[in-house]
Amino acid sequence: MTRRHERLTRLPDYGPHNPLQYWYRHVHPLRVVWNFICIYLARYCPSLTLKCWLYRLTGAQIGRNVSIGLAVVFDIFYPHLIRIDDNSVVGYNSVILCHDFRVREAFIGPVHIGRDVLVGANCTILPGVRIGDGAAVSAMSLVNRDIPPGAMAGGVPATVISAAQ
């Protein structure tokens, strides 16, 4: 099994400033506007069906019967790198990121949330993370590494609290 950092792709360096200053060279500005509109409409949409449809318009892969809570934010630059499998729940005000712009370097990576997963409220999921089928992540967790199938994880950073039984 590959580790999170092995799934990250380093973006090219475009100049002397921090990489976020050059975001428009990584993603077309009109694509970002489209993503912004869809993601922020979905963020406060009360209909789960319409919400999932809006996320799919950004290229995100959303399975059947997925429930995405109020105020959840998907990555604005790379939502097409997000995959959430069937029957999973992402809790209120969580953030799913597929980019990591640092002071001197930038990375992108896919996020895969498996089938029957529970992500609690106010969680942040970083790029390159895989959450295995049937796993649960407690509220207010920072998921910066993979969570194995069936495990319960939580904390900052998230660690496995109990393994699959």
C-alpha atoms as a PDB file:
ATOM      1  CA  MET A   1       0.000   0.000   0.000  1.00  0.00           C
ATOM      2  CA  THR A   2       1.370   3.394  -0.941  1.00  0.00           C
ATOM      3  CA  ARG A   3       1.723   6.138   1.597  1.00  0.00           C
ATOM      4  CA  ARG A   4       0.015   9.511   1.331  1.00  0.00           C
ATOM      5  CA  HIS A   5       3.179  11.406   0.336  1.00  0.00           C
ATOM      6  CA  GLU A   6       3.831   8.975  -2.504  1.00  0.00           C
ATOM      7  CA  ARG A   7       0.430   9.905  -4.001  1.00  0.00           C
ATOM      8  CA  LEU A   8       1.251  13.627  -4.069  1.00  0.00           C
ATOM      9  CA  THR A   9       2.431  15.332  -7.249  1.00  0.00           C
ATOM     10  CA  ARG A  10       4.772  18.284  -6.905  1.00  0.00           C
ATOM     11  CA  LEU A  11       3.683  21.272  -8.965  1.00  0.00           C
ATOM     12  CA  PRO A  12       6.243  23.228 -11.001  1.00  0.00           C
ATOM     13  CA  ASP A  13       7.881  26.296  -9.512  1.00  0.00           C
ATOM     14  CA  TYR A  14       6.968  29.448 -11.432  1.00  0.00           C
ATOM     15  CA  GLY A  15       8.852  32.204  -9.678  1.00  0.00           C
ATOM     16  CA  PRO A  16      10.317  33.809  -6.577  1.00  0.00           C
ATOM     17  CA  HIS A  17       7.052  34.156  -4.633  1.00  0.00           C
ATOM     18  CA  ASN A  18       5.047  31.542  -2.769  1.00  0.00           C
ATOM     19  CA  PRO A  19       3.305  29.107  -5.161  1.00  0.00           C
ATOM     20  CA  LEU A  20      -0.204  30.331  -4.327  1.00  0.00           C
ATOM     21  CA  GLN A  21       0.704  33.596  -6.112  1.00  0.00           C
ATOM     22  CA  TYR A  22       0.811  31.544  -9.342  1.00  0.00           C
ATOM     23  CA  TRP A  23      -2.380  29.471  -8.881  1.00  0.00           C
ATOM     24  CA  TYR A  24      -3.727  30.634 -12.256  1.00  0.00           C
ATOM     25  CA  ARG A  25      -0.863  28.810 -13.983  1.00  0.00           C
ATOM     26  CA  HIS A  26      -2.004  25.501 -12.469  1.00  0.00           C
ATOM     27  CA  VAL A  27      -5.752  25.810 -13.037  1.00  0.00           C
ATOM     28  CA  HIS A  28      -7.618  27.927 -15.561  1.00  0.00           C
ATOM     29  CA  PRO A  29      -9.293  30.885 -13.800  1.00  0.00           C
ATOM     30  CA  LEU A  30     -12.664  30.165 -15.451  1.00  0.00           C
ATOM     31  CA  ARG A  31     -12.527  26.602 -14.100  1.00  0.00           C
ATOM     32  CA  VAL A  32     -11.958  28.021 -10.612  1.00  0.00           C
ATOM     33  CA  VAL A  33     -14.930  30.384 -11.033  1.00  0.00           C
ATOM     34  CA  TRP A  34     -17.117  27.446 -12.121  1.00  0.00           C
ATOM     35  CA  ASN A  35     -15.910  25.332  -9.201  1.00  0.00           C
ATOM     36  CA  PHE A  36     -16.510  28.210  -6.791  1.00  0.00           C
ATOM     37  CA  ILE A  37     -20.090  28.700  -7.971  1.00  0.00           C
ATOM     38  CA  CYS A  38     -20.945  24.989  -7.789  1.00  0.00           C
ATOM     39  CA  ILE A  39     -19.203  24.375  -4.457  1.00  0.00           C
ATOM     40  CA  TYR A  40     -20.691  27.392  -2.714  1.00  0.00           C
ATOM     41  CA  LEU A  41     -24.196  26.682  -4.011  1.00  0.00           C
ATOM     42  CA  ALA A  42     -23.803  23.098  -2.787  1.00  0.00           C
ATOM     43  CA  ARG A  43     -22.378  24.245   0.536  1.00  0.00           C
ATOM     44  CA  TYR A  44     -25.721  25.640   1.711  1.00  0.00           C
ATOM     45  CA  CYS A  45     -28.104  23.576  -0.389  1.00  0.00           C
ATOM     46  CA  PRO A  46     -30.641  21.709   1.785  1.00  0.00           C
ATOM     47  CA  SER A  47     -31.259  18.970  -0.815  1.00  0.00           C
ATOM     48  CA  LEU A  48     -28.710  16.139  -0.625  1.00  0.00           C
ATOM     49  CA  THR A  49     -29.561  15.079  -4.182  1.00  0.00           C
ATOM     50  CA  LEU A  50     -29.022  18.561  -5.609  1.00  0.00           C
ATOM     51  CA  LYS A  51     -25.896  19.020  -3.496  1.00  0.00           C
ATOM     52  CA  CYS A  52     -24.302  15.830  -4.887  1.00  0.00           C
ATOM     53  CA  TRP A  53     -25.304  16.850  -8.423  1.00  0.00           C
ATOM     54  CA  LEU A  54     -23.586  20.235  -7.973  1.00  0.00           C
ATOM     55  CA  TYR A  55     -20.405  18.572  -6.690  1.00  0.00           C
ATOM     56  CA  ARG A  56     -20.463  16.207  -9.671  1.00  0.00           C
ATOM     57  CA  LEU A  57     -20.558  19.254 -11.986  1.00  0.00           C
ATOM     58  CA  THR A  58     -17.073  20.119 -10.695  1.00  0.00           C
ATOM     59  CA  GLY A  59     -15.805  16.653 -11.628  1.00  0.00           C
ATOM     60  CA  ALA A  60     -15.914  15.196  -8.112  1.00  0.00           C
ATOM     61  CA  GLN A  61     -16.843  11.514  -8.092  1.00  0.00           C
ATOM     62  CA  ILE A  62     -19.754  11.128  -5.696  1.00  0.00           C
ATOM     63  CA  GLY A  63     -21.281   7.677  -5.171  1.00  0.00           C
ATOM     64  CA  ARG A  64     -24.887   6.710  -4.564  1.00  0.00           C
ATOM     65  CA  ASN A  65     -26.625   7.676  -1.327  1.00  0.00           C
ATOM     66  CA  VAL A  66     -23.760   9.912  -0.208  1.00  0.00           C
ATOM     67  CA  SER A  67     -24.720  12.526   2.387  1.00  0.00           C
ATOM     68  CA  ILE A  68     -22.644  15.688   2.487  1.00  0.00           C
ATOM     69  CA  GLY A  69     -23.431  17.949   5.427  1.00  0.00           C
ATOM     70  CA  LEU A  70     -24.139  21.648   5.516  1.00  0.00           C
ATOM     71  CA  ALA A  71     -21.166  23.972   4.961  1.00  0.00           C
ATOM     72  CA  VAL A  72     -18.796  21.257   3.710  1.00  0.00           C
ATOM     73  CA  VAL A  73     -16.098  22.738   1.439  1.00  0.00           C
ATOM     74  CA  PHE A  74     -14.474  20.843  -1.403  1.00  0.00           C
ATOM     75  CA  ASP A  75     -11.125  21.871  -2.870  1.00  0.00           C
ATOM     76  CA  ILE A  76     -11.759  24.887  -5.099  1.00  0.00           C
ATOM     77  CA  PHE A  77      -8.871  24.178  -7.505  1.00  0.00           C
ATOM     78  CA  TYR A  78      -8.994  20.372  -7.855  1.00  0.00           C
ATOM     79  CA  PRO A  79     -12.434  19.016  -6.883  1.00  0.00           C
ATOM     80  CA  HIS A  80     -12.119  16.444  -9.681  1.00  0.00           C
ATOM     81  CA  LEU A  81      -9.524  14.666  -7.504  1.00  0.00           C
ATOM     82  CA  ILE A  82     -12.148  13.922  -4.820  1.00  0.00           C
ATOM     83  CA  ARG A  83     -13.876  10.539  -4.770  1.00  0.00           C
ATOM     84  CA  ILE A  84     -16.523   9.568  -2.220  1.00  0.00           C
ATOM     85  CA  ASP A  85     -17.922   6.047  -2.544  1.00  0.00           C
ATOM     86  CA  ASP A  86     -21.484   4.856  -1.927  1.00  0.00           C
ATOM     87  CA  ASN A  87     -23.359   5.390   1.335  1.00  0.00           C
ATOM     88  CA  SER A  88     -20.762   7.607   3.014  1.00  0.00           C
ATOM     89  CA  VAL A  89     -21.408  10.651   5.200  1.00  0.00           C
ATOM     90  CA  VAL A  90     -19.275  13.807   5.415  1.00  0.00           C
ATOM     91  CA  GLY A  91     -20.216  15.877   8.458  1.00  0.00           C
ATOM     92  CA  TYR A  92     -21.013  19.545   8.899  1.00  0.00           C
ATOM     93  CA  ASN A  93     -18.349  22.138   8.073  1.00  0.00           C
ATOM     94  CA  SER A  94     -15.685  19.649   6.990  1.00  0.00           C
ATOM     95  CA  VAL A  95     -13.027  20.529   4.414  1.00  0.00           C
ATOM     96  CA  ILE A  96     -11.621  18.206   1.742  1.00  0.00           C
ATOM     97  CA  LEU A  97      -8.395  19.505   0.186  1.00  0.00           C
ATOM     98  CA  CYS A  98      -6.528  18.188  -2.848  1.00  0.00           C
ATOM     99  CA  HIS A  99      -3.875  20.899  -2.943  1.00  0.00           C
ATOM    100  CA  ASP A 100      -1.180  21.950  -0.524  1.00  0.00           C
ATOM    101  CA  PHE A 101       0.436  25.306  -1.306  1.00  0.00           C
ATOM    102  CA  ARG A 102       3.387  25.916   0.971  1.00  0.00           C
ATOM    103  CA  VAL A 103       5.866  28.800   1.096  1.00  0.00           C
ATOM    104  CA  ARG A 104       8.376  27.243  -1.316  1.00  0.00           C
ATOM    105  CA  GLU A 105       6.554  24.287  -2.915  1.00  0.00           C
ATOM    106  CA  ALA A 106       3.118  23.049  -3.905  1.00  0.00           C
ATOM    107  CA  PHE A 107       1.551  19.599  -4.158  1.00  0.00           C
ATOM    108  CA  ILE A 108      -1.690  18.088  -5.361  1.00  0.00           C
ATOM    109  CA  GLY A 109      -3.103  14.659  -4.600  1.00  0.00           C
ATOM    110  CA  PRO A 110      -6.371  12.731  -4.797  1.00  0.00           C
ATOM    111  CA  VAL A 111      -8.628  12.130  -1.814  1.00  0.00           C
ATOM    112  CA  HIS A 112     -10.547   8.857  -1.702  1.00  0.00           C
ATOM    113  CA  ILE A 113     -13.252   8.317   0.905  1.00  0.00           C
ATOM    114  CA  GLY A 114     -14.398   4.707   0.748  1.00  0.00           C
ATOM    115  CA  ARG A 115     -17.783   3.073   1.005  1.00  0.00           C
ATOM    116  CA  ASP A 116     -19.854   3.333   4.237  1.00  0.00           C
ATOM    117  CA  VAL A 117     -17.454   5.875   5.781  1.00  0.00           C
ATOM    118  CA  LEU A 118     -18.395   8.414   8.422  1.00  0.00           C
ATOM    119  CA  VAL A 119     -16.420  11.665   8.540  1.00  0.00           C
ATOM    120  CA  GLY A 120     -17.517  13.679  11.576  1.00  0.00           C
ATOM    121  CA  ALA A 121     -18.212  17.399  11.720  1.00  0.00           C
ATOM    122  CA  ASN A 122     -15.429  19.983  11.361  1.00  0.00           C
ATOM    123  CA  CYS A 123     -12.840  17.591   9.941  1.00  0.00           C
ATOM    124  CA  THR A 124     -10.087  18.558   7.530  1.00  0.00           C
ATOM    125  CA  ILE A 125      -8.862  15.966   5.051  1.00  0.00           C
ATOM    126  CA  LEU A 126      -5.521  16.715   3.391  1.00  0.00           C
ATOM    127  CA  PRO A 127      -4.399  15.808  -0.150  1.00  0.00           C
ATOM    128  CA  GLY A 128      -3.421  12.234  -0.939  1.00  0.00           C
ATOM    129  CA  VAL A 129      -5.453  10.692   1.892  1.00  0.00           C
ATOM    130  CA  ARG A 130      -7.407   7.456   1.573  1.00  0.00           C
ATOM    131  CA  ILE A 131     -10.079   6.566   4.106  1.00  0.00           C
ATOM    132  CA  GLY A 132     -10.903   2.862   3.868  1.00  0.00           C
ATOM    133  CA  ASP A 133     -14.349   1.300   3.573  1.00  0.00           C
ATOM    134  CA  GLY A 134     -16.361   1.279   6.792  1.00  0.00           C
ATOM    135  CA  ALA A 135     -13.993   3.622   8.641  1.00  0.00           C
ATOM    136  CA  ALA A 136     -15.114   6.406  10.958  1.00  0.00           C
ATOM    137  CA  VAL A 137     -13.325   9.691  11.664  1.00  0.00           C
ATOM    138  CA  SER A 138     -14.336  11.562  14.808  1.00  0.00           C
ATOM    139  CA  ALA A 139     -15.370  15.202  14.748  1.00  0.00           C
ATOM    140  CA  MET A 140     -12.733  17.953  14.609  1.00  0.00           C
ATOM    141  CA  SER A 141     -10.017  15.659  13.266  1.00  0.00           C
ATOM    142  CA  LEU A 142      -7.152  16.537  10.944  1.00  0.00           C
ATOM    143  CA  VAL A 143      -6.744  13.599   8.575  1.00  0.00           C
ATOM    144  CA  ASN A 144      -3.180  13.792   7.291  1.00  0.00           C
ATOM    145  CA  ARG A 145      -2.592  10.057   6.780  1.00  0.00           C
ATOM    146  CA  ASP A 146      -4.535   7.078   5.495  1.00  0.00           C
ATOM    147  CA  ILE A 147      -7.211   5.511   7.679  1.00  0.00           C
ATOM    148  CA  PRO A 148      -7.487   1.731   7.241  1.00  0.00           C
ATOM    149  CA  PRO A 149     -10.808   0.044   6.411  1.00  0.00           C
ATOM    150  CA  GLY A 150     -13.112  -0.404   9.396  1.00  0.00           C
ATOM    151  CA  ALA A 151     -10.964   1.664  11.752  1.00  0.00           C
ATOM    152  CA  MET A 152     -12.069   4.421  14.102  1.00  0.00           C
ATOM    153  CA  ALA A 153      -9.733   7.419  13.984  1.00  0.00           C
ATOM    154  CA  GLY A 154      -9.655  10.868  15.486  1.00  0.00           C
ATOM    155  CA  GLY A 155      -7.601  13.729  16.818  1.00  0.00           C
ATOM    156  CA  VAL A 156      -5.152  16.312  15.545  1.00  0.00           C
ATOM    157  CA  PRO A 157      -3.508  14.706  13.716  1.00  0.00           C
ATOM    158  CA  ALA A 158      -5.934  11.794  13.334  1.00  0.00           C
ATOM    159  CA  THR A 159      -4.662   8.498  14.664  1.00  0.00           C
ATOM    160  CA  VAL A 160      -6.330   5.102  14.734  1.00  0.00           C
ATOM    161  CA  ILE A 161      -8.233   4.722  17.994  1.00  0.00           C
ATOM    162  CA  SER A 162      -9.511   1.221  17.305  1.00  0.00           C
ATOM    163  CA  ALA A 163      -8.785  -1.101  14.412  1.00  0.00           C
ATOM    164  CA  ALA A 164     -11.324  -3.088  12.408  1.00  0.00           C
ATOM    165  CA  GLN A 165     -12.803  -6.025  14.243  1.00  0.00           C
END
